[in-house]
Each structure stands twice: as C-alpha cells, then as structure tokens.
C-alpha atoms as a PDB file:
ATOM      1  CA  MET A   1      23.268  -1.536 -23.543  1.00  0.00           C
ATOM      2  CA  ARG A   2      23.713   0.337 -20.293  1.00  0.00           C
ATOM      3  CA  HIS A   3      20.792   0.722 -17.913  1.00  0.00           C
ATOM      4  CA  GLU A   4      20.696   3.441 -15.311  1.00  0.00           C
ATOM      5  CA  PHE A   5      18.487   3.133 -12.301  1.00  0.00           C
ATOM      6  CA  SER A   6      17.496   5.820  -9.876  1.00  0.00           C
ATOM      7  CA  ALA A   7      16.730   5.324  -6.212  1.00  0.00           C
ATOM      8  CA  ARG A   8      14.428   8.362  -6.310  1.00  0.00           C
ATOM      9  CA  PRO A   9      11.085   6.656  -7.208  1.00  0.00           C
ATOM     10  CA  PRO A  10      11.363   3.945  -4.516  1.00  0.00           C
ATOM     11  CA  ASN A  11      12.435   6.559  -1.965  1.00  0.00           C
ATOM     12  CA  ILE A  12       9.454   8.754  -2.834  1.00  0.00           C
ATOM     13  CA  ALA A  13       7.108   5.745  -2.668  1.00  0.00           C
ATOM     14  CA  ALA A  14       8.441   4.775   0.769  1.00  0.00           C
ATOM     15  CA  ARG A  15       8.081   8.337   2.095  1.00  0.00           C
ATOM     16  CA  VAL A  16       4.545   8.708   0.695  1.00  0.00           C
ATOM     17  CA  GLN A  17       3.565   5.350   2.187  1.00  0.00           C
ATOM     18  CA  ALA A  18       4.866   6.504   5.575  1.00  0.00           C
ATOM     19  CA  LEU A  19       2.592   9.586   5.414  1.00  0.00           C
ATOM     20  CA  ASP A  20      -0.448   7.558   4.420  1.00  0.00           C
ATOM     21  CA  ALA A  21      -3.128   6.797   7.003  1.00  0.00           C
ATOM     22  CA  PRO A  22      -4.380   3.206   7.393  1.00  0.00           C
ATOM     23  CA  ASP A  23      -6.960   2.167   4.779  1.00  0.00           C
ATOM     24  CA  SER A  24      -6.228   5.099   2.487  1.00  0.00           C
ATOM     25  CA  VAL A  25      -4.175   5.639  -0.660  1.00  0.00           C
ATOM     26  CA  LEU A  26      -1.856   8.587  -1.302  1.00  0.00           C
ATOM     27  CA  ILE A  27      -0.462   9.080  -4.794  1.00  0.00           C
ATOM     28  CA  THR A  28       2.023  11.471  -6.356  1.00  0.00           C
ATOM     29  CA  ALA A  29       1.277  13.798  -9.262  1.00  0.00           C
ATOM     30  CA  ALA A  30       3.026  11.347 -11.626  1.00  0.00           C
ATOM     31  CA  VAL A  31       0.688   8.528 -10.602  1.00  0.00           C
ATOM     32  CA  HIS A  32      -2.273  10.915 -10.693  1.00  0.00           C
ATOM     33  CA  GLU A  33      -1.528  11.618 -14.369  1.00  0.00           C
ATOM     34  CA  LEU A  34      -1.568   7.882 -15.102  1.00  0.00           C
ATOM     35  CA  VAL A  35      -4.898   7.217 -13.371  1.00  0.00           C
ATOM     36  CA  SER A  36      -6.530  10.592 -14.003  1.00  0.00           C
ATOM     37  CA  GLY A  37     -10.250  10.199 -14.472  1.00  0.00           C
ATOM     38  CA  LEU A  38     -10.394   6.702 -12.982  1.00  0.00           C
ATOM     39  CA  PHE A  39     -10.417   7.819  -9.347  1.00  0.00           C
ATOM     40  CA  LEU A  40     -11.804  10.737  -7.409  1.00  0.00           C
ATOM     41  CA  VAL A  41      -8.946  12.422  -5.581  1.00  0.00           C
ATOM     42  CA  GLU A  42      -8.441  15.016  -2.907  1.00  0.00           C
ATOM     43  CA  ASP A  43      -5.554  17.447  -3.367  1.00  0.00           C
ATOM     44  CA  ARG A  44      -3.207  17.110  -0.378  1.00  0.00           C
ATOM     45  CA  GLY A  45      -0.863  19.866  -1.579  1.00  0.00           C
ATOM     46  CA  SER A  46       2.893  19.850  -1.981  1.00  0.00           C
ATOM     47  CA  GLN A  47       4.675  18.010   0.797  1.00  0.00           C
ATOM     48  CA  ARG A  48       8.339  18.006   1.756  1.00  0.00           C
ATOM     49  CA  LEU A  49       9.571  14.445   2.029  1.00  0.00           C
ATOM     50  CA  LYS A  50      12.664  13.420   3.958  1.00  0.00           C
ATOM     51  CA  GLY A  51      15.612  12.870   1.623  1.00  0.00           C
ATOM     52  CA  ILE A  52      13.808  14.389  -1.397  1.00  0.00           C
ATOM     53  CA  GLY A  53      14.966  17.859  -2.444  1.00  0.00           C
ATOM     54  CA  ASP A  54      11.834  19.253  -4.067  1.00  0.00           C
ATOM     55  CA  PRO A  55       8.326  19.216  -2.586  1.00  0.00           C
ATOM     56  CA  VAL A  56       6.129  16.440  -3.992  1.00  0.00           C
ATOM     57  CA  GLN A  57       2.499  17.069  -4.970  1.00  0.00           C
ATOM     58  CA  LEU A  58       0.255  14.482  -3.305  1.00  0.00           C
ATOM     59  CA  TYR A  59      -3.337  13.377  -3.786  1.00  0.00           C
ATOM     60  CA  ARG A  60      -5.505  11.048  -1.714  1.00  0.00           C
ATOM     61  CA  ALA A  61      -7.741   8.645  -3.616  1.00  0.00           C
ATOM     62  CA  ILE A  62     -11.232   8.973  -2.149  1.00  0.00           C
ATOM     63  CA  GLY A  63     -13.189   6.739  -4.491  1.00  0.00           C
ATOM     64  CA  GLN A  64     -13.618   5.277  -7.914  1.00  0.00           C
ATOM     65  CA  SER A  65     -15.050   7.503 -10.624  1.00  0.00           C
ATOM     66  CA  VAL A  66     -17.917   6.428 -12.856  1.00  0.00           C
ATOM     67  CA  VAL A  67     -15.443   5.976 -15.709  1.00  0.00           C
ATOM     68  CA  ARG A  68     -14.443   2.329 -16.053  1.00  0.00           C
ATOM     69  CA  ARG A  69     -11.686   2.482 -18.672  1.00  0.00           C
ATOM     70  CA  ARG A  70      -8.767   4.819 -19.345  1.00  0.00           C
ATOM     71  CA  THR A  71     -10.068   5.470 -22.880  1.00  0.00           C
ATOM     72  CA  HIS A  72     -13.255   6.901 -21.425  1.00  0.00           C
ATOM     73  CA  ALA A  73     -11.258   8.899 -18.892  1.00  0.00           C
ATOM     74  CA  ALA A  74      -9.110  10.287 -21.694  1.00  0.00           C
ATOM     75  CA  ALA A  75     -12.237  11.418 -23.513  1.00  0.00           C
ATOM     76  CA  THR A  76     -13.104  13.619 -20.549  1.00  0.00           C
ATOM     77  CA  ARG A  77      -9.797  15.490 -20.890  1.00  0.00           C
ATOM     78  CA  THR A  78      -8.690  17.750 -23.693  1.00  0.00           C
ATOM     79  CA  LEU A  79      -7.049  15.610 -26.330  1.00  0.00           C
ATOM     80  CA  SER A  80      -5.134  16.470 -29.458  1.00  0.00           C
ATOM     81  CA  PRO A  81      -7.344  16.364 -32.542  1.00  0.00           C
ATOM     82  CA  LEU A  82      -7.106  13.271 -34.691  1.00  0.00           C
ATOM     83  CA  VAL A  83      -5.592  13.753 -38.108  1.00  0.00           C
ATOM     84  CA  LYS A  84      -7.160  11.926 -41.021  1.00  0.00           C
ATOM     85  CA  GLU A  85      -4.538   9.758 -42.666  1.00  0.00           C
ATOM     86  CA  THR A  86      -5.221   9.185 -46.369  1.00  0.00           C
ATOM     87  CA  ARG A  87      -2.098   7.217 -47.182  1.00  0.00           C
ATOM     88  CA  ARG A  88      -2.333   3.426 -47.002  1.00  0.00           C
ATOM     89  CA  CYS A  89       0.381   1.288 -45.476  1.00  0.00           C
ATOM     90  CA  SER A  90       1.220  -2.085 -46.910  1.00  0.00           C
ATOM     91  CA  PHE A  91       3.139  -4.761 -45.127  1.00  0.00           C
ATOM     92  CA  SER A  92       5.084  -7.233 -47.231  1.00  0.00           C
END
C-alpha cells in the first residue's frame, strides 16, 4: 500500500499560527466544518498565506457555544432525512 503525504496542511497550520494573536485561536474553514456549532466564531475573511496559492478562509474562535456535543451541534444544522430501514441484518 502506498501512502502519499502532502506538506500543505502543516504549512497552512504554521502560517495560520503565525497570524494568530496571543491567547486566541484562528481556524481554517476545514476545521470550522469539524467543530461547527461547538464554538462561537468570528469570520476573519479570506487571507493570502505565504507559500499557499489560494486564499484561505479563516475564523477566530471567540467562545464556546451552549452545545456540548457534536450530535447536538449537528441537530442545529440541516441534516439529511433519516430513512426507515425495514430489512433486518443478521450476523452469523
């Protein structure tokens, strides 16, 4: 099995960290999607980062939301409807 690694995520993380003020947290749009609903964020706009071709959307975490778990955060977003499954699965 061949694994390919990209230097892009660590480079982006290093550049974002360099922009960050002391005692604050900047996150990219990718991280924002992962923690959406768990933290209150301030949109910092698209920023050009040294060595990164495309602008990167940044957010600053400004506090914890009232939601304590990702499942509750997901409930606040639009989710795909659940489909009732009538077939039973058996494991032998």
